[in-house]
Amino acid sequence: MINLAFNLLWQQATSDKKLLRPGISDAAIRQLRNNYLYGFPTYLAAFVVSFFYPDLALSICVLLWVFWAASSKKINFTETPTL
């Protein structure tokens, strides 16, 4: 549920870019949105798996967090000025 709420909050924040820091690129917004979309299905899978293999469910969540941490470092957040 928290992931759904966060995705809705992110959608609202990026709809007109008024709530984001100035200069963030549209490509960065798109990449972040795409990364966040993996959250709900992954958490849902971890929830189902947790009834049978709790350690595996925790591992799934940790792998998702590592993915988010690694992929966010690759995103260029600033717009490059065109000459």
N, C-alpha and C. Protein backbone atom coordinates (compact mmCIF):
# COMPACT_ATOMS: atom_id res chain seq x y z
N MET A 1 0.81 -1.19 0.00
CA MET A 1 0.00 0.00 0.00
C MET A 1 0.86 1.26 0.00
N ILE A 2 1.97 1.22 0.72
CA ILE A 2 2.83 2.39 0.77
C ILE A 2 3.42 2.67 -0.61
N ASN A 3 3.77 1.61 -1.33
CA ASN A 3 4.33 1.79 -2.67
C ASN A 3 3.31 2.42 -3.61
N LEU A 4 2.06 2.00 -3.51
CA LEU A 4 1.02 2.61 -4.34
C LEU A 4 0.86 4.09 -4.00
N ALA A 5 0.85 4.41 -2.72
CA ALA A 5 0.73 5.80 -2.30
C ALA A 5 1.92 6.62 -2.78
N PHE A 6 3.12 6.03 -2.71
CA PHE A 6 4.30 6.75 -3.17
C PHE A 6 4.24 6.99 -4.67
N ASN A 7 3.80 5.99 -5.43
CA ASN A 7 3.68 6.17 -6.88
C ASN A 7 2.67 7.25 -7.22
N LEU A 8 1.56 7.32 -6.48
CA LEU A 8 0.58 8.39 -6.70
C LEU A 8 1.17 9.75 -6.34
N LEU A 9 1.91 9.81 -5.25
CA LEU A 9 2.57 11.05 -4.86
C LEU A 9 3.58 11.48 -5.91
N TRP A 10 4.35 10.54 -6.42
CA TRP A 10 5.35 10.84 -7.45
C TRP A 10 4.65 11.34 -8.72
N GLN A 11 3.54 10.72 -9.09
CA GLN A 11 2.79 11.15 -10.27
C GLN A 11 2.31 12.59 -10.09
N GLN A 12 1.81 12.90 -8.93
CA GLN A 12 1.33 14.26 -8.66
C GLN A 12 2.49 15.26 -8.69
N ALA A 13 3.62 14.88 -8.11
CA ALA A 13 4.76 15.79 -8.05
C ALA A 13 5.35 16.06 -9.42
N THR A 14 5.29 15.08 -10.30
CA THR A 14 5.90 15.24 -11.61
C THR A 14 4.93 15.73 -12.68
N SER A 15 3.67 15.86 -12.34
CA SER A 15 2.70 16.24 -13.36
C SER A 15 2.96 17.63 -13.92
N ASP A 16 3.35 18.58 -13.09
CA ASP A 16 3.65 19.92 -13.60
C ASP A 16 5.05 20.40 -13.21
N LYS A 17 5.81 19.56 -12.54
CA LYS A 17 7.20 19.81 -12.14
C LYS A 17 7.35 20.97 -11.16
N LYS A 18 6.25 21.48 -10.60
CA LYS A 18 6.36 22.57 -9.64
C LYS A 18 6.91 22.10 -8.29
N LEU A 19 6.70 20.83 -7.98
CA LEU A 19 7.14 20.31 -6.70
C LEU A 19 8.54 19.70 -6.75
N LEU A 20 9.16 19.72 -7.93
CA LEU A 20 10.51 19.18 -8.09
C LEU A 20 11.53 20.30 -8.09
N ARG A 21 12.77 19.94 -7.83
CA ARG A 21 13.80 20.97 -7.86
C ARG A 21 13.97 21.49 -9.29
N PRO A 22 14.31 22.74 -9.43
CA PRO A 22 14.47 23.32 -10.78
C PRO A 22 15.63 22.64 -11.52
N GLY A 23 15.43 22.42 -12.80
CA GLY A 23 16.50 21.89 -13.63
C GLY A 23 16.52 20.38 -13.78
N ILE A 24 15.61 19.67 -13.15
CA ILE A 24 15.60 18.22 -13.31
C ILE A 24 15.09 17.88 -14.71
N SER A 25 15.75 16.95 -15.35
CA SER A 25 15.43 16.65 -16.75
C SER A 25 14.22 15.74 -16.85
N ASP A 26 13.55 15.82 -17.98
CA ASP A 26 12.40 14.94 -18.24
C ASP A 26 12.84 13.49 -18.33
N ALA A 27 14.04 13.25 -18.85
CA ALA A 27 14.56 11.89 -18.94
C ALA A 27 14.77 11.30 -17.54
N ALA A 28 15.25 12.10 -16.61
CA ALA A 28 15.45 11.62 -15.23
C ALA A 28 14.11 11.29 -14.59
N ILE A 29 13.11 12.12 -14.81
CA ILE A 29 11.78 11.87 -14.26
C ILE A 29 11.24 10.56 -14.82
N ARG A 30 11.40 10.36 -16.12
CA ARG A 30 10.92 9.14 -16.76
C ARG A 30 11.64 7.90 -16.22
N GLN A 31 12.97 7.99 -16.06
CA GLN A 31 13.74 6.85 -15.54
C GLN A 31 13.34 6.53 -14.11
N LEU A 32 13.16 7.54 -13.28
CA LEU A 32 12.74 7.30 -11.90
C LEU A 32 11.35 6.67 -11.85
N ARG A 33 10.44 7.19 -12.66
CA ARG A 33 9.09 6.62 -12.69
C ARG A 33 9.13 5.15 -13.10
N ASN A 34 9.90 4.84 -14.13
CA ASN A 34 10.00 3.45 -14.58
C ASN A 34 10.60 2.56 -13.50
N ASN A 35 11.58 3.05 -12.77
CA ASN A 35 12.17 2.26 -11.69
C ASN A 35 11.17 2.02 -10.56
N TYR A 36 10.39 3.03 -10.23
CA TYR A 36 9.42 2.90 -9.14
C TYR A 36 8.28 1.95 -9.50
N LEU A 37 8.00 1.80 -10.78
CA LEU A 37 6.90 0.92 -11.20
C LEU A 37 7.20 -0.55 -10.91
N TYR A 38 8.46 -0.90 -10.71
CA TYR A 38 8.81 -2.28 -10.35
C TYR A 38 8.41 -2.61 -8.92
N GLY A 39 8.19 -1.61 -8.11
CA GLY A 39 7.95 -1.82 -6.69
C GLY A 39 6.72 -2.63 -6.36
N PHE A 40 5.56 -2.23 -6.87
CA PHE A 40 4.32 -2.91 -6.47
C PHE A 40 4.30 -4.39 -6.84
N PRO A 41 4.59 -4.76 -8.10
CA PRO A 41 4.57 -6.19 -8.41
C PRO A 41 5.61 -6.99 -7.63
N THR A 42 6.76 -6.37 -7.37
CA THR A 42 7.80 -7.06 -6.62
C THR A 42 7.39 -7.26 -5.17
N TYR A 43 6.83 -6.23 -4.56
CA TYR A 43 6.35 -6.36 -3.18
C TYR A 43 5.19 -7.35 -3.09
N LEU A 44 4.34 -7.37 -4.09
CA LEU A 44 3.23 -8.33 -4.10
C LEU A 44 3.76 -9.76 -4.19
N ALA A 45 4.75 -9.98 -5.04
CA ALA A 45 5.37 -11.30 -5.15
C ALA A 45 6.04 -11.69 -3.83
N ALA A 46 6.73 -10.75 -3.21
CA ALA A 46 7.37 -11.04 -1.93
C ALA A 46 6.34 -11.37 -0.86
N PHE A 47 5.20 -10.69 -0.89
CA PHE A 47 4.14 -10.96 0.07
C PHE A 47 3.61 -12.39 -0.08
N VAL A 48 3.37 -12.80 -1.32
CA VAL A 48 2.87 -14.16 -1.56
C VAL A 48 3.91 -15.19 -1.16
N VAL A 49 5.17 -14.96 -1.52
CA VAL A 49 6.25 -15.89 -1.21
C VAL A 49 6.47 -15.97 0.29
N SER A 50 6.21 -14.90 1.01
CA SER A 50 6.51 -14.85 2.45
C SER A 50 5.76 -15.91 3.26
N PHE A 51 4.63 -16.37 2.77
CA PHE A 51 3.89 -17.40 3.50
C PHE A 51 4.58 -18.76 3.45
N PHE A 52 5.39 -18.96 2.44
CA PHE A 52 6.06 -20.25 2.27
C PHE A 52 7.56 -20.18 2.56
N TYR A 53 8.20 -19.10 2.12
CA TYR A 53 9.64 -18.93 2.27
C TYR A 53 9.94 -17.49 2.73
N PRO A 54 9.85 -17.23 4.01
CA PRO A 54 10.05 -15.85 4.49
C PRO A 54 11.43 -15.28 4.17
N ASP A 55 12.45 -16.12 4.22
CA ASP A 55 13.80 -15.63 3.91
C ASP A 55 13.91 -15.20 2.45
N LEU A 56 13.28 -15.94 1.57
CA LEU A 56 13.29 -15.58 0.15
C LEU A 56 12.54 -14.27 -0.07
N ALA A 57 11.44 -14.08 0.62
CA ALA A 57 10.67 -12.84 0.49
C ALA A 57 11.51 -11.64 0.93
N LEU A 58 12.22 -11.79 2.02
CA LEU A 58 13.09 -10.70 2.47
C LEU A 58 14.20 -10.45 1.46
N SER A 59 14.73 -11.50 0.88
CA SER A 59 15.77 -11.36 -0.14
C SER A 59 15.25 -10.63 -1.37
N ILE A 60 14.02 -10.92 -1.75
CA ILE A 60 13.42 -10.23 -2.90
C ILE A 60 13.34 -8.73 -2.63
N CYS A 61 12.91 -8.36 -1.44
CA CYS A 61 12.81 -6.93 -1.09
C CYS A 61 14.19 -6.27 -1.07
N VAL A 62 15.17 -6.95 -0.50
CA VAL A 62 16.52 -6.39 -0.44
C VAL A 62 17.08 -6.21 -1.85
N LEU A 63 16.84 -7.18 -2.73
CA LEU A 63 17.32 -7.05 -4.11
C LEU A 63 16.66 -5.86 -4.81
N LEU A 64 15.39 -5.63 -4.53
CA LEU A 64 14.72 -4.47 -5.10
C LEU A 64 15.35 -3.18 -4.60
N TRP A 65 15.65 -3.11 -3.32
CA TRP A 65 16.29 -1.91 -2.77
C TRP A 65 17.67 -1.68 -3.35
N VAL A 66 18.43 -2.76 -3.54
CA VAL A 66 19.75 -2.65 -4.16
C VAL A 66 19.61 -2.18 -5.60
N PHE A 67 18.62 -2.71 -6.31
CA PHE A 67 18.37 -2.26 -7.68
C PHE A 67 18.08 -0.77 -7.73
N TRP A 68 17.20 -0.31 -6.82
CA TRP A 68 16.88 1.12 -6.80
C TRP A 68 18.11 1.96 -6.48
N ALA A 69 18.92 1.52 -5.55
CA ALA A 69 20.12 2.29 -5.18
C ALA A 69 21.11 2.33 -6.34
N ALA A 70 21.31 1.21 -7.00
CA ALA A 70 22.27 1.16 -8.11
C ALA A 70 21.76 1.92 -9.33
N SER A 71 20.49 1.79 -9.63
CA SER A 71 19.97 2.44 -10.84
C SER A 71 19.83 3.95 -10.66
N SER A 72 19.63 4.42 -9.44
CA SER A 72 19.50 5.86 -9.25
C SER A 72 20.84 6.57 -9.42
N LYS A 73 21.93 5.87 -9.22
CA LYS A 73 23.24 6.49 -9.42
C LYS A 73 23.53 6.72 -10.89
N LYS A 74 22.86 6.00 -11.79
CA LYS A 74 23.11 6.12 -13.22
C LYS A 74 22.29 7.22 -13.88
N ILE A 75 21.40 7.83 -13.14
CA ILE A 75 20.49 8.82 -13.71
C ILE A 75 21.13 10.20 -13.65
N ASN A 76 21.14 10.88 -14.79
CA ASN A 76 21.61 12.26 -14.84
C ASN A 76 20.42 13.17 -14.54
N PHE A 77 20.46 13.81 -13.38
CA PHE A 77 19.31 14.58 -12.91
C PHE A 77 19.23 15.99 -13.49
N THR A 78 20.29 16.49 -14.05
CA THR A 78 20.27 17.87 -14.53
C THR A 78 20.12 17.90 -16.04
N GLU A 79 19.43 18.92 -16.49
CA GLU A 79 19.27 19.12 -17.93
C GLU A 79 20.57 19.72 -18.45
N THR A 80 21.01 19.22 -19.57
CA THR A 80 22.20 19.78 -20.19
C THR A 80 21.78 20.91 -21.11
N PRO A 81 22.40 22.07 -20.98
CA PRO A 81 22.00 23.20 -21.81
C PRO A 81 22.37 22.96 -23.27
N THR A 82 21.50 23.35 -24.17
CA THR A 82 21.75 23.23 -25.60
C THR A 82 22.39 24.49 -26.12
N LEU A 83 23.40 24.30 -26.91
CA LEU A 83 24.11 25.47 -27.46
C LEU A 83 23.68 25.75 -28.87
